Amino acid sequence: MALVGRRDGRNFGYGRQLSYAGPQALKDMFGGGHYGTVKAHCDRWQAFVKWCRSEQGPGINDARQIDRKVLADYAAYLREVVERGDLAISTAQNRLSSLNRTMAALRGDQYVKLPSPSKALGMQRTGGRQSVPQGQDRDHIQRIVEALCSCQHPRAAAIVQLARATGMRLREAILADLPRLSREANDLGRINIQDGTKGGRVGASAPRWIAVDDHVRGALSFARQVSPAGSRNLIAPSESFLKVLQTIVRPARDILHAHNLRGFHELRAAYACERYQQITQHRAPINGGQRCELNQHLDREARRQISYELGHGRIDVVAAYVGGRP
């Protein structure tokens, strides 16, 4: 329990510094779990704290002084930064959403919040991908895998292969039940991604079957080879998921960046573009696919299938991977 004083005290009892209070309240709210989510909210809260201390900000260091006007002023500031081209609309909206969540954690109620971050900004995110996904070239991926292995990061190499071959998220690749997936690949010719999925969408009510090819088989085989003894996934029995993020994933990111890969999430986009071309026989819009080449029904069917395979509930999200409709 991170509450250090009375709830009606400074920063609602979470200490004297605004920068400290927000993260502590979030950790309480999430019960010490959901490390990635808490980390994202904390980073965005610190951006708000920095603004509070700046010349443009209100100069406050006590969350009890934060009211709806302060939130509205911060939204106006972010709007100016977006209009200058120094911040993406999506980033600004995420900062406001995290601000809402952190204020709720501090206060214990929903009284002080922005009802709609997008309306507060007066802007809508486009949602469509603006840059060609990295990692589409298989030779490029192989060079990254070799570099990770040479730096003693074989499990990170396994994550890269799984993500590129199946479209798995980082968490899904780390927690994948490798013996089960290998059995499904051999017996059924397809695998059902169920472990580490987002939002608890697992089981018979949320199947996520991926067709198996040689790339999937190779990724599963390599992952099983480097899986720690006594484990069914890429986490050793004595490790936590957080430990893997800190000791394996974080150092690996420097190697990815050195080999022109922004991050593991790019591999999901590369997978999506590949699947789009396999389904439609045309390049994904972000790769130069043209409107005249493809009818809208086939485009929509491809997006529906890719949404299913990536574990999303809406086909409009696919634009963030393959680009907007041609």
Protein backbone atom coordinates (compact mmCIF):
# COMPACT_ATOMS: atom_id res chain seq x y z
CA MET A 1 0.00 0.00 0.00
CA ALA A 2 1.56 3.26 -1.16
CA LEU A 3 -0.72 5.68 0.69
CA VAL A 4 1.66 7.54 3.00
CA GLY A 5 -0.75 9.84 4.84
CA ARG A 6 -4.40 10.73 5.29
CA ARG A 7 -6.46 10.66 2.08
CA ASP A 8 -7.42 14.30 2.63
CA GLY A 9 -3.75 15.32 2.97
CA ARG A 10 -1.36 16.76 0.41
CA ASN A 11 -1.62 14.92 -2.93
CA PHE A 12 -4.48 12.96 -1.37
CA GLY A 13 -2.07 11.27 1.01
CA TYR A 14 0.43 10.11 -1.60
CA GLY A 15 3.40 12.24 -0.57
CA ARG A 16 4.64 15.78 -1.00
CA GLN A 17 5.69 15.64 -4.67
CA LEU A 18 3.23 15.53 -7.57
CA SER A 19 5.73 13.48 -9.59
CA TYR A 20 5.82 10.83 -6.85
CA ALA A 21 2.14 10.83 -5.97
CA GLY A 22 0.77 9.90 -9.39
CA PRO A 23 2.82 6.71 -9.87
CA GLN A 24 2.12 5.57 -6.32
CA ALA A 25 -1.62 6.01 -6.76
CA LEU A 26 -1.51 4.11 -10.06
CA LYS A 27 0.37 1.22 -8.45
CA ASP A 28 -2.33 1.08 -5.81
CA MET A 29 -5.08 1.17 -8.40
CA PHE A 30 -3.57 -1.69 -10.41
CA GLY A 31 -2.62 -3.73 -7.37
CA GLY A 32 1.09 -3.81 -8.19
CA GLY A 33 0.42 -5.57 -11.52
CA HIS A 34 -0.05 -4.51 -15.16
CA TYR A 35 3.51 -3.20 -15.29
CA GLY A 36 3.37 -2.02 -18.89
CA THR A 37 0.09 -0.16 -18.45
CA VAL A 38 1.25 1.52 -15.24
CA LYS A 39 4.56 2.48 -16.85
CA ALA A 40 2.77 4.12 -19.80
CA HIS A 41 0.42 6.08 -17.51
CA CYS A 42 3.36 7.14 -15.31
CA ASP A 43 5.40 8.42 -18.27
CA ARG A 44 2.45 10.50 -19.48
CA TRP A 45 1.80 11.78 -15.94
CA GLN A 46 5.40 12.99 -15.72
CA ALA A 47 4.87 14.98 -18.91
CA PHE A 48 1.90 16.65 -17.22
CA VAL A 49 3.97 17.34 -14.08
CA LYS A 50 6.70 18.90 -16.22
CA TRP A 51 4.10 21.20 -17.77
CA CYS A 52 2.76 22.11 -14.32
CA ARG A 53 6.25 23.27 -13.33
CA SER A 54 6.92 25.15 -16.58
CA GLU A 55 6.27 28.81 -17.35
CA GLN A 56 3.08 27.90 -19.22
CA GLY A 57 1.81 25.73 -16.37
CA PRO A 58 0.00 26.61 -13.15
CA GLY A 59 3.01 26.03 -10.91
CA ILE A 60 1.26 23.59 -8.60
CA ASN A 61 2.71 20.61 -6.75
CA ASP A 62 -0.42 19.32 -5.01
CA ALA A 63 -3.03 17.23 -6.84
CA ARG A 64 -5.75 18.75 -4.64
CA GLN A 65 -5.28 21.99 -6.60
CA ILE A 66 -5.92 20.30 -9.95
CA ASP A 67 -9.41 21.11 -11.19
CA ARG A 68 -11.16 20.92 -14.53
CA LYS A 69 -9.74 24.28 -15.61
CA VAL A 70 -6.20 22.98 -15.09
CA LEU A 71 -7.04 19.95 -17.23
CA ALA A 72 -8.58 22.16 -19.92
CA ASP A 73 -5.50 24.42 -19.91
CA TYR A 74 -3.26 21.38 -20.34
CA ALA A 75 -5.39 20.18 -23.25
CA ALA A 76 -5.05 23.63 -24.85
CA TYR A 77 -1.27 23.48 -24.39
CA LEU A 78 -1.10 20.03 -26.03
CA ARG A 79 -3.24 21.30 -28.91
CA GLU A 80 -0.69 24.06 -29.55
CA VAL A 81 2.16 21.53 -29.52
CA VAL A 82 0.32 19.28 -31.97
CA GLU A 83 -0.41 22.22 -34.27
CA ARG A 84 3.31 23.08 -34.26
CA GLY A 85 4.01 19.58 -35.50
CA ASP A 86 6.00 18.64 -32.38
CA LEU A 87 3.55 15.99 -31.11
CA ALA A 88 1.27 13.42 -32.72
CA ILE A 89 -2.48 13.71 -32.13
CA SER A 90 -2.52 10.14 -30.80
CA THR A 91 0.21 10.95 -28.28
CA ALA A 92 -1.66 14.02 -27.05
CA GLN A 93 -4.89 12.04 -26.66
CA ASN A 94 -3.05 9.28 -24.80
CA ARG A 95 -1.57 11.86 -22.41
CA LEU A 96 -5.02 13.21 -21.63
CA SER A 97 -6.45 9.72 -21.15
CA SER A 98 -3.64 8.85 -18.75
CA LEU A 99 -4.20 12.13 -16.93
CA ASN A 100 -7.83 11.14 -16.38
CA ARG A 101 -6.81 7.71 -15.11
CA THR A 102 -4.16 9.08 -12.76
CA MET A 103 -6.48 11.72 -11.31
CA ALA A 104 -9.07 9.00 -10.65
CA ALA A 105 -6.39 6.95 -8.89
CA LEU A 106 -5.33 9.90 -6.73
CA ARG A 107 -8.79 11.17 -5.86
CA GLY A 108 -10.64 7.88 -5.65
CA ASP A 109 -13.45 9.30 -7.78
CA GLN A 110 -14.22 10.49 -11.32
CA TYR A 111 -15.11 14.07 -10.41
CA VAL A 112 -12.12 15.85 -12.01
CA LYS A 113 -11.58 14.62 -15.55
CA LEU A 114 -11.89 15.52 -19.23
CA PRO A 115 -15.01 13.72 -20.50
CA SER A 116 -13.52 13.31 -24.00
CA PRO A 117 -9.79 13.76 -24.72
CA SER A 118 -10.43 14.02 -28.47
CA LYS A 119 -13.07 16.74 -27.99
CA ALA A 120 -10.81 18.54 -25.51
CA LEU A 121 -8.11 18.66 -28.17
CA GLY A 122 -10.55 19.48 -30.94
CA MET A 123 -8.70 16.99 -33.12
CA GLN A 124 -9.22 13.44 -34.34
CA ARG A 125 -6.38 10.99 -34.86
CA THR A 126 -6.20 9.63 -38.39
CA GLY A 127 -5.53 6.06 -37.27
CA GLY A 128 -3.88 5.22 -40.59
CA ARG A 129 -0.24 4.22 -40.73
CA GLN A 130 1.97 6.91 -42.25
CA SER A 131 5.25 4.99 -42.67
CA VAL A 132 6.13 1.69 -44.35
CA PRO A 133 6.51 -1.03 -41.69
CA GLN A 134 10.04 -2.13 -41.00
CA GLY A 135 10.88 -5.83 -40.85
CA GLN A 136 8.97 -6.90 -43.96
CA ASP A 137 12.12 -8.24 -45.61
CA ARG A 138 12.88 -11.75 -44.34
CA ASP A 139 16.62 -11.30 -44.88
CA HIS A 140 16.48 -8.22 -42.66
CA ILE A 141 14.81 -10.27 -39.93
CA GLN A 142 17.42 -13.02 -40.24
CA ARG A 143 20.22 -10.49 -39.77
CA ILE A 144 18.52 -9.19 -36.62
CA VAL A 145 18.07 -12.73 -35.29
CA GLU A 146 21.75 -13.49 -35.90
CA ALA A 147 22.80 -10.25 -34.20
CA LEU A 148 20.66 -11.02 -31.13
CA CYS A 149 22.04 -14.55 -30.88
CA SER A 150 25.63 -13.34 -31.21
CA CYS A 151 24.96 -10.94 -28.31
CA GLN A 152 23.62 -13.81 -26.16
CA HIS A 153 19.96 -12.84 -26.53
CA PRO A 154 18.47 -16.00 -28.10
CA ARG A 155 15.11 -15.53 -26.37
CA ALA A 156 14.80 -12.04 -27.84
CA ALA A 157 15.60 -13.60 -31.21
CA ALA A 158 12.77 -16.08 -30.63
CA ILE A 159 10.38 -13.22 -29.85
CA VAL A 160 11.34 -11.50 -33.11
CA GLN A 161 10.71 -14.67 -35.11
CA LEU A 162 7.39 -15.41 -33.44
CA ALA A 163 6.15 -11.84 -33.85
CA ARG A 164 7.11 -11.69 -37.53
CA ALA A 165 5.78 -15.16 -38.38
CA THR A 166 2.48 -15.00 -36.49
CA GLY A 167 1.74 -11.33 -35.72
CA MET A 168 1.95 -11.97 -31.96
CA ARG A 169 2.26 -9.05 -29.57
CA LEU A 170 5.41 -8.90 -27.43
CA ARG A 171 3.58 -10.26 -24.38
CA GLU A 172 1.96 -13.02 -26.43
CA ALA A 173 5.31 -14.17 -27.81
CA ILE A 174 6.88 -14.29 -24.35
CA LEU A 175 3.97 -16.20 -22.79
CA ALA A 176 3.13 -18.47 -25.73
CA ASP A 177 2.52 -22.10 -24.71
CA LEU A 178 5.14 -23.54 -27.06
CA PRO A 179 4.39 -27.28 -26.63
CA ARG A 180 0.69 -26.70 -27.29
CA LEU A 181 1.32 -24.51 -30.32
CA SER A 182 3.80 -27.02 -31.74
CA ARG A 183 1.28 -29.82 -31.28
CA GLU A 184 -1.43 -27.80 -33.01
CA ALA A 185 0.93 -26.93 -35.85
CA ASN A 186 1.77 -30.59 -36.43
CA ASP A 187 -1.74 -32.01 -35.95
CA LEU A 188 -3.96 -29.24 -37.33
CA GLY A 189 -1.79 -27.09 -39.58
CA ARG A 190 -2.85 -24.01 -37.61
CA ILE A 191 -2.25 -22.54 -34.16
CA ASN A 192 -4.55 -20.78 -31.70
CA ILE A 193 -2.95 -17.74 -30.01
CA GLN A 194 -4.39 -17.64 -26.48
CA ASP A 195 -1.63 -16.85 -23.95
CA GLY A 196 -0.87 -13.26 -22.92
CA THR A 197 -3.65 -11.86 -25.10
CA LYS A 198 -4.91 -8.32 -24.55
CA GLY A 199 -8.01 -7.64 -22.52
CA GLY A 200 -8.48 -11.21 -21.33
CA ARG A 201 -9.80 -12.36 -24.73
CA VAL A 202 -8.99 -16.07 -24.42
CA GLY A 203 -10.59 -19.46 -24.65
CA ALA A 204 -13.33 -20.88 -26.85
CA SER A 205 -15.16 -17.54 -26.84
CA ALA A 206 -12.19 -15.81 -28.50
CA PRO A 207 -10.39 -18.22 -30.84
CA ARG A 208 -7.50 -16.76 -32.83
CA TRP A 209 -6.34 -19.33 -35.34
CA ILE A 210 -3.29 -18.64 -37.52
CA ALA A 211 -2.44 -20.77 -40.55
CA VAL A 212 0.93 -22.51 -40.25
CA ASP A 213 3.68 -22.24 -42.86
CA ASP A 214 7.40 -22.96 -42.80
CA HIS A 215 8.13 -19.62 -41.13
CA VAL A 216 5.74 -20.40 -38.26
CA ARG A 217 7.18 -23.89 -37.86
CA GLY A 218 10.70 -22.51 -37.82
CA ALA A 219 9.84 -19.84 -35.26
CA LEU A 220 8.16 -22.37 -32.95
CA SER A 221 11.05 -24.82 -33.28
CA PHE A 222 13.64 -22.17 -32.44
CA ALA A 223 11.59 -20.85 -29.52
CA ARG A 224 11.33 -24.34 -28.04
CA GLN A 225 15.10 -24.76 -28.36
CA VAL A 226 15.83 -21.60 -26.38
CA SER A 227 12.95 -21.97 -23.90
CA PRO A 228 14.38 -22.29 -20.36
CA ALA A 229 14.44 -25.75 -18.80
CA GLY A 230 11.19 -26.62 -17.06
CA SER A 231 9.23 -23.91 -18.88
CA ARG A 232 6.50 -24.07 -21.50
CA ASN A 233 7.25 -20.54 -22.71
CA LEU A 234 10.14 -18.06 -22.80
CA ILE A 235 10.08 -17.33 -19.05
CA ALA A 236 12.18 -19.47 -16.72
CA PRO A 237 10.36 -20.96 -13.70
CA SER A 238 12.40 -18.69 -11.41
CA GLU A 239 11.66 -15.54 -13.46
CA SER A 240 8.78 -13.08 -13.64
CA PHE A 241 7.42 -11.45 -16.76
CA LEU A 242 8.84 -8.14 -15.54
CA LYS A 243 12.30 -9.72 -15.14
CA VAL A 244 12.21 -10.84 -18.78
CA LEU A 245 11.27 -7.33 -19.89
CA GLN A 246 14.13 -5.83 -17.90
CA THR A 247 16.90 -8.33 -18.64
CA ILE A 248 16.05 -9.55 -22.13
CA VAL A 249 13.67 -7.24 -23.96
CA ARG A 250 15.13 -3.91 -22.87
CA PRO A 251 18.76 -4.68 -23.88
CA ALA A 252 17.52 -6.22 -27.13
CA ARG A 253 15.84 -2.97 -28.17
CA ASP A 254 19.24 -1.32 -28.68
CA ILE A 255 20.17 -4.09 -31.10
CA LEU A 256 16.86 -3.73 -32.95
CA HIS A 257 17.43 0.01 -33.30
CA ALA A 258 20.97 -0.55 -34.56
CA HIS A 259 19.50 -2.77 -37.28
CA ASN A 260 16.79 -0.30 -38.34
CA LEU A 261 13.86 -1.83 -36.51
CA ARG A 262 11.97 0.64 -34.31
CA GLY A 263 10.53 -2.05 -32.07
CA PHE A 264 8.80 -5.40 -31.81
CA HIS A 265 5.44 -3.87 -32.73
CA GLU A 266 6.72 -3.15 -36.24
CA LEU A 267 6.78 -6.90 -36.80
CA ARG A 268 3.00 -7.11 -36.32
CA ALA A 269 2.59 -4.48 -39.01
CA ALA A 270 4.97 -6.40 -41.29
CA TYR A 271 2.91 -9.54 -40.72
CA ALA A 272 -0.31 -7.66 -41.46
CA CYS A 273 1.04 -6.27 -44.73
CA GLU A 274 2.16 -9.71 -45.79
CA ARG A 275 -1.25 -11.21 -45.00
CA TYR A 276 -2.99 -8.38 -46.86
CA GLN A 277 -1.04 -9.22 -50.01
CA GLN A 278 -1.62 -12.96 -49.58
CA ILE A 279 -5.38 -12.47 -49.23
CA THR A 280 -5.93 -9.82 -51.92
CA GLN A 281 -3.00 -10.52 -54.27
CA HIS A 282 -2.29 -6.80 -54.09
CA ARG A 283 0.16 -4.76 -52.06
CA ALA A 284 -1.04 -3.17 -48.84
CA PRO A 285 -1.95 0.53 -49.23
CA ILE A 286 1.06 1.59 -47.14
CA ASN A 287 3.26 -0.36 -49.56
CA GLY A 288 1.84 1.47 -52.56
CA GLY A 289 -1.32 -0.50 -53.28
CA GLN A 290 -3.62 1.53 -55.54
CA ARG A 291 -7.38 2.10 -55.40
CA CYS A 292 -7.86 1.04 -59.03
CA GLU A 293 -6.29 -2.37 -58.39
CA LEU A 294 -8.70 -3.61 -55.71
CA ASN A 295 -12.43 -3.71 -55.11
CA GLN A 296 -13.68 -2.51 -51.74
CA HIS A 297 -15.31 -5.81 -50.81
CA LEU A 298 -12.01 -7.69 -51.05
CA ASP A 299 -10.21 -4.93 -49.15
CA ARG A 300 -12.76 -5.12 -46.34
CA GLU A 301 -12.60 -8.91 -46.20
CA ALA A 302 -8.79 -8.78 -45.92
CA ARG A 303 -9.02 -6.25 -43.10
CA ARG A 304 -11.62 -8.35 -41.29
CA GLN A 305 -9.39 -11.42 -41.46
CA ILE A 306 -6.26 -9.52 -40.38
CA SER A 307 -8.16 -7.93 -37.48
CA TYR A 308 -9.13 -11.43 -36.32
CA GLU A 309 -5.58 -12.78 -36.65
CA LEU A 310 -4.07 -9.85 -34.76
CA GLY A 311 -6.59 -10.17 -31.92
CA HIS A 312 -8.47 -6.92 -32.50
CA GLY A 313 -12.20 -6.50 -32.24
CA ARG A 314 -12.59 -3.84 -34.98
CA ILE A 315 -11.44 -3.81 -38.58
CA ASP A 316 -10.79 -0.06 -38.57
CA VAL A 317 -7.76 -0.71 -36.32
CA VAL A 318 -6.08 -2.51 -39.23
CA ALA A 319 -5.40 0.86 -40.89
CA ALA A 320 -2.70 1.38 -38.25
CA TYR A 321 -0.91 -1.65 -39.70
CA VAL A 322 -1.52 -1.68 -43.46
CA GLY A 323 -2.60 1.92 -44.13
CA GLY A 324 -5.94 3.48 -44.95
CA ARG A 325 -8.31 2.10 -47.54
CA PRO A 326 -6.94 2.38 -51.07
